[in-house]
C-alpha atoms as a PDB file:
ATOM      1  CA  MET A   1      54.746  49.241 -30.985  1.00  0.00           C
ATOM      2  CA  ASP A   2      53.770  50.758 -34.291  1.00  0.00           C
ATOM      3  CA  LEU A   3      52.527  54.280 -34.979  1.00  0.00           C
ATOM      4  CA  LEU A   4      48.858  53.334 -35.337  1.00  0.00           C
ATOM      5  CA  GLU A   5      48.847  51.712 -31.912  1.00  0.00           C
ATOM      6  CA  ILE A   6      50.430  54.815 -30.341  1.00  0.00           C
ATOM      7  CA  VAL A   7      47.833  57.053 -31.984  1.00  0.00           C
ATOM      8  CA  ALA A   8      44.971  54.781 -30.838  1.00  0.00           C
ATOM      9  CA  ARG A   9      46.218  54.817 -27.225  1.00  0.00           C
ATOM     10  CA  ALA A  10      46.658  58.594 -27.280  1.00  0.00           C
ATOM     11  CA  ARG A  11      43.148  59.021 -28.708  1.00  0.00           C
ATOM     12  CA  HIS A  12      41.621  56.952 -25.908  1.00  0.00           C
ATOM     13  CA  ARG A  13      43.556  58.928 -23.294  1.00  0.00           C
ATOM     14  CA  ILE A  14      43.053  62.450 -24.683  1.00  0.00           C
ATOM     15  CA  ALA A  15      39.611  62.297 -26.318  1.00  0.00           C
ATOM     16  CA  PRO A  16      37.427  61.990 -23.164  1.00  0.00           C
ATOM     17  CA  PRO A  17      38.780  65.118 -21.407  1.00  0.00           C
ATOM     18  CA  LEU A  18      38.635  67.093 -24.647  1.00  0.00           C
ATOM     19  CA  ALA A  19      35.091  65.845 -25.298  1.00  0.00           C
ATOM     20  CA  ARG A  20      34.053  67.255 -21.912  1.00  0.00           C
ATOM     21  CA  LEU A  21      36.001  70.534 -22.236  1.00  0.00           C
ATOM     22  CA  LEU A  22      35.600  71.689 -25.851  1.00  0.00           C
ATOM     23  CA  PRO A  23      31.803  72.102 -26.026  1.00  0.00           C
ATOM     24  CA  GLY A  24      31.884  74.368 -22.977  1.00  0.00           C
ATOM     25  CA  VAL A  25      34.739  76.417 -24.392  1.00  0.00           C
ATOM     26  CA  GLY A  26      32.861  76.673 -27.688  1.00  0.00           C
ATOM     27  CA  VAL A  27      29.702  77.919 -25.958  1.00  0.00           C
ATOM     28  CA  ALA A  28      31.763  80.455 -23.964  1.00  0.00           C
ATOM     29  CA  LEU A  29      33.364  81.753 -27.181  1.00  0.00           C
ATOM     30  CA  LEU A  30      29.950  81.989 -28.858  1.00  0.00           C
ATOM     31  CA  ALA A  31      28.653  83.996 -25.881  1.00  0.00           C
ATOM     32  CA  LEU A  32      31.724  86.247 -26.089  1.00  0.00           C
ATOM     33  CA  ALA A  33      31.087  86.679 -29.820  1.00  0.00           C
ATOM     34  CA  ALA A  34      27.534  87.788 -29.036  1.00  0.00           C
ATOM     35  CA  VAL A  35      28.874  90.318 -26.521  1.00  0.00           C
ATOM     36  CA  PHE A  36      31.376  91.668 -29.061  1.00  0.00           C
ATOM     37  CA  ALA A  37      28.673  91.866 -31.751  1.00  0.00           C
ATOM     38  CA  GLY A  38      26.332  93.686 -29.373  1.00  0.00           C
ATOM     39  CA  HIS A  39      29.053  96.137 -28.399  1.00  0.00           C
ATOM     40  CA  SER A  40      29.940  96.782 -32.044  1.00  0.00           C
ATOM     41  CA  TRP A  41      26.273  97.314 -32.921  1.00  0.00           C
ATOM     42  CA  TRP A  42      25.719  99.612 -29.926  1.00  0.00           C
ATOM     43  CA  SER A  43      28.801 101.693 -30.786  1.00  0.00           C
ATOM     44  CA  ASP A  44      27.973 101.824 -34.494  1.00  0.00           C
ATOM     45  CA  ARG A  45      24.392 102.993 -34.045  1.00  0.00           C
ATOM     46  CA  ALA A  46      25.605 106.261 -32.468  1.00  0.00           C
ATOM     47  CA  LEU A  47      27.634 107.133 -35.576  1.00  0.00           C
ATOM     48  CA  LEU A  48      26.518 108.996 -38.675  1.00  0.00           C
ATOM     49  CA  HIS A  49      26.463 106.910 -41.859  1.00  0.00           C
ATOM     50  CA  ALA A  50      26.767 107.575 -45.571  1.00  0.00           C
ATOM     51  CA  THR A  51      27.730 105.788 -48.751  1.00  0.00           C
ATOM     52  CA  ALA A  52      31.140 106.758 -50.061  1.00  0.00           C
ATOM     53  CA  MET A  53      32.981 106.151 -53.299  1.00  0.00           C
ATOM     54  CA  VAL A  54      36.551 104.863 -53.299  1.00  0.00           C
ATOM     55  CA  THR A  55      38.559 107.373 -55.329  1.00  0.00           C
ATOM     56  CA  GLU A  56      41.959 105.648 -55.150  1.00  0.00           C
ATOM     57  CA  ASN A  57      44.107 103.199 -53.232  1.00  0.00           C
ATOM     58  CA  VAL A  58      47.147 104.936 -51.762  1.00  0.00           C
ATOM     59  CA  ALA A  59      50.220 102.709 -51.657  1.00  0.00           C
ATOM     60  CA  THR A  60      52.509 103.010 -48.623  1.00  0.00           C
ATOM     61  CA  PHE A  61      55.456 100.976 -47.456  1.00  0.00           C
ATOM     62  CA  ALA A  62      54.498  98.646 -44.616  1.00  0.00           C
ATOM     63  CA  PRO A  63      56.724  98.628 -41.502  1.00  0.00           C
ATOM     64  CA  GLY A  64      57.525  94.931 -41.946  1.00  0.00           C
ATOM     65  CA  GLY A  65      58.346  95.356 -45.616  1.00  0.00           C
ATOM     66  CA  GLY A  66      56.155  95.223 -48.669  1.00  0.00           C
ATOM     67  CA  VAL A  67      53.409  97.574 -49.742  1.00  0.00           C
ATOM     68  CA  SER A  68      50.099  98.336 -48.031  1.00  0.00           C
ATOM     69  CA  TYR A  69      47.099  99.906 -49.773  1.00  0.00           C
ATOM     70  CA  THR A  70      44.862 102.402 -47.998  1.00  0.00           C
ATOM     71  CA  PRO A  71      41.608 103.444 -49.693  1.00  0.00           C
ATOM     72  CA  ARG A  72      40.763 107.133 -50.068  1.00  0.00           C
ATOM     73  CA  VAL A  73      37.009 107.714 -50.028  1.00  0.00           C
ATOM     74  CA  ARG A  74      34.756 110.626 -50.889  1.00  0.00           C
ATOM     75  CA  PHE A  75      31.281 111.129 -49.454  1.00  0.00           C
ATOM     76  CA  ARG A  76      28.666 113.772 -48.740  1.00  0.00           C
ATOM     77  CA  THR A  77      27.696 114.547 -45.134  1.00  0.00           C
ATOM     78  CA  PRO A  78      24.025 115.047 -44.198  1.00  0.00           C
ATOM     79  CA  SER A  79      24.676 118.817 -44.248  1.00  0.00           C
ATOM     80  CA  GLY A  80      25.773 118.548 -47.899  1.00  0.00           C
ATOM     81  CA  GLU A  81      29.511 119.015 -47.327  1.00  0.00           C
ATOM     82  CA  ILE A  82      31.790 116.809 -49.449  1.00  0.00           C
ATOM     83  CA  GLN A  83      34.524 115.056 -47.491  1.00  0.00           C
ATOM     84  CA  GLN A  84      37.535 113.162 -48.766  1.00  0.00           C
ATOM     85  CA  VAL A  85      39.159 110.899 -46.196  1.00  0.00           C
ATOM     86  CA  LEU A  86      42.029 108.431 -46.157  1.00  0.00           C
ATOM     87  CA  ALA A  87      40.497 105.351 -44.518  1.00  0.00           C
ATOM     88  CA  THR A  88      42.226 103.102 -42.015  1.00  0.00           C
ATOM     89  CA  PRO A  89      45.322 101.368 -43.393  1.00  0.00           C
ATOM     90  CA  GLY A  90      44.533  98.460 -45.601  1.00  0.00           C
ATOM     91  CA  ARG A  91      46.136  95.200 -46.584  1.00  0.00           C
ATOM     92  CA  SER A  92      48.839  94.059 -48.951  1.00  0.00           C
ATOM     93  CA  ASP A  93      46.234  93.915 -51.731  1.00  0.00           C
ATOM     94  CA  ALA A  94      43.726  96.598 -52.647  1.00  0.00           C
ATOM     95  CA  GLU A  95      40.578  95.654 -50.750  1.00  0.00           C
ATOM     96  CA  PHE A  96      38.264  98.010 -52.669  1.00  0.00           C
ATOM     97  CA  ALA A  97      38.533  98.952 -56.334  1.00  0.00           C
ATOM     98  CA  PRO A  98      38.456 102.632 -57.290  1.00  0.00           C
ATOM     99  CA  GLY A  99      34.867 103.607 -58.059  1.00  0.00           C
ATOM    100  CA  ALA A 100      33.407 101.078 -55.609  1.00  0.00           C
ATOM    101  CA  SER A 101      30.681 102.206 -53.224  1.00  0.00           C
ATOM    102  CA  VAL A 102      31.358 101.499 -49.545  1.00  0.00           C
ATOM    103  CA  PRO A 103      29.513 102.396 -46.346  1.00  0.00           C
ATOM    104  CA  VAL A 104      31.296 104.858 -44.038  1.00  0.00           C
ATOM    105  CA  ALA A 105      30.596 105.906 -40.459  1.00  0.00           C
ATOM    106  CA  TRP A 106      31.910 108.765 -38.323  1.00  0.00           C
ATOM    107  CA  PRO A 107      31.253 110.468 -34.988  1.00  0.00           C
ATOM    108  CA  ALA A 108      28.876 113.452 -35.128  1.00  0.00           C
ATOM    109  CA  GLY A 109      30.747 116.602 -36.076  1.00  0.00           C
ATOM    110  CA  GLU A 110      33.915 114.737 -37.085  1.00  0.00           C
ATOM    111  CA  PRO A 111      33.523 113.544 -40.689  1.00  0.00           C
ATOM    112  CA  GLN A 112      37.330 113.674 -41.083  1.00  0.00           C
ATOM    113  CA  HIS A 113      37.422 110.601 -38.802  1.00  0.00           C
ATOM    114  CA  ALA A 114      35.210 108.513 -41.073  1.00  0.00           C
ATOM    115  CA  VAL A 115      36.003 104.819 -41.375  1.00  0.00           C
ATOM    116  CA  ILE A 116      34.821 102.223 -43.849  1.00  0.00           C
ATOM    117  CA  ALA A 117      32.008 100.383 -42.074  1.00  0.00           C
ATOM    118  CA  THR A 118      31.498  97.111 -43.937  1.00  0.00           C
ATOM    119  CA  ALA A 119      30.091  94.225 -41.902  1.00  0.00           C
ATOM    120  CA  TRP A 120      33.487  92.509 -41.886  1.00  0.00           C
ATOM    121  CA  ARG A 121      35.280  95.615 -40.589  1.00  0.00           C
ATOM    122  CA  VAL A 122      32.661  96.379 -37.924  1.00  0.00           C
ATOM    123  CA  TYR A 123      32.099  92.817 -36.678  1.00  0.00           C
ATOM    124  CA  ARG A 124      35.501  91.194 -37.382  1.00  0.00           C
ATOM    125  CA  ALA A 125      36.222  90.143 -33.777  1.00  0.00           C
ATOM    126  CA  ALA A 126      32.701  88.778 -33.278  1.00  0.00           C
ATOM    127  CA  ILE A 127      32.873  86.819 -36.532  1.00  0.00           C
ATOM    128  CA  TRP A 128      36.223  85.191 -35.674  1.00  0.00           C
ATOM    129  CA  LEU A 129      35.082  84.324 -32.134  1.00  0.00           C
ATOM    130  CA  ALA A 130      31.865  82.802 -33.504  1.00  0.00           C
ATOM    131  CA  ILE A 131      33.779  80.708 -36.046  1.00  0.00           C
ATOM    132  CA  LEU A 132      36.259  79.483 -33.424  1.00  0.00           C
ATOM    133  CA  GLY A 133      33.475  78.774 -30.921  1.00  0.00           C
ATOM    134  CA  THR A 134      31.487  76.800 -33.486  1.00  0.00           C
ATOM    135  CA  VAL A 135      34.520  74.748 -34.522  1.00  0.00           C
ATOM    136  CA  LEU A 136      35.468  73.910 -30.914  1.00  0.00           C
ATOM    137  CA  PHE A 137      31.872  73.064 -29.971  1.00  0.00           C
ATOM    138  CA  ASP A 138      31.487  70.770 -32.986  1.00  0.00           C
ATOM    139  CA  LEU A 139      34.880  69.155 -32.431  1.00  0.00           C
ATOM    140  CA  GLY A 140      33.987  68.453 -28.798  1.00  0.00           C
ATOM    141  CA  TRP A 141      30.719  66.794 -29.778  1.00  0.00           C
ATOM    142  CA  LEU A 142      32.422  64.745 -32.495  1.00  0.00           C
ATOM    143  CA  LEU A 143      34.974  63.540 -29.934  1.00  0.00           C
ATOM    144  CA  ARG A 144      32.148  62.744 -27.522  1.00  0.00           C
ATOM    145  CA  LEU A 145      30.305  60.707 -30.172  1.00  0.00           C
ATOM    146  CA  SER A 146      33.463  58.877 -31.251  1.00  0.00           C
ATOM    147  CA  ALA A 147      34.288  58.044 -27.618  1.00  0.00           C
ATOM    148  CA  GLN A 148      30.868  56.388 -27.203  1.00  0.00           C
ATOM    149  CA  ARG A 149      31.517  54.026 -30.102  1.00  0.00           C
ATOM    150  CA  PRO A 150      33.339  50.810 -29.214  1.00  0.00           C
END
């Protein structure tokens, strides 16, 4: 028995159950993504917002080795007070260039707890769940269509 025959038999055995399962899992993940997005939106709307300027990227040693860059931002609160905050720890590369404008959000009365509030940072979990749900849904339908062909 050659490899192509083994793969063809496995495809005919595995594809039908996956074709039935994956679209449902994809829809469930898309629904979960909507819940996460709604929660993120609901939480974010209660925060105060401003536009900040990245003043520098502070380099720190990461626990697992290497260097991590954390942006320091400066912004003006609605009361006119200027705040300078070290944002949440970054990545191994500088995510924002010094001088870049970024949105920030913070709880009322606590501007020292401001975080960078880009769409990716606020909705990261929802975005990943939506991507995974879409891929699984599409894969399930492709398997379903390929199983219908002789």
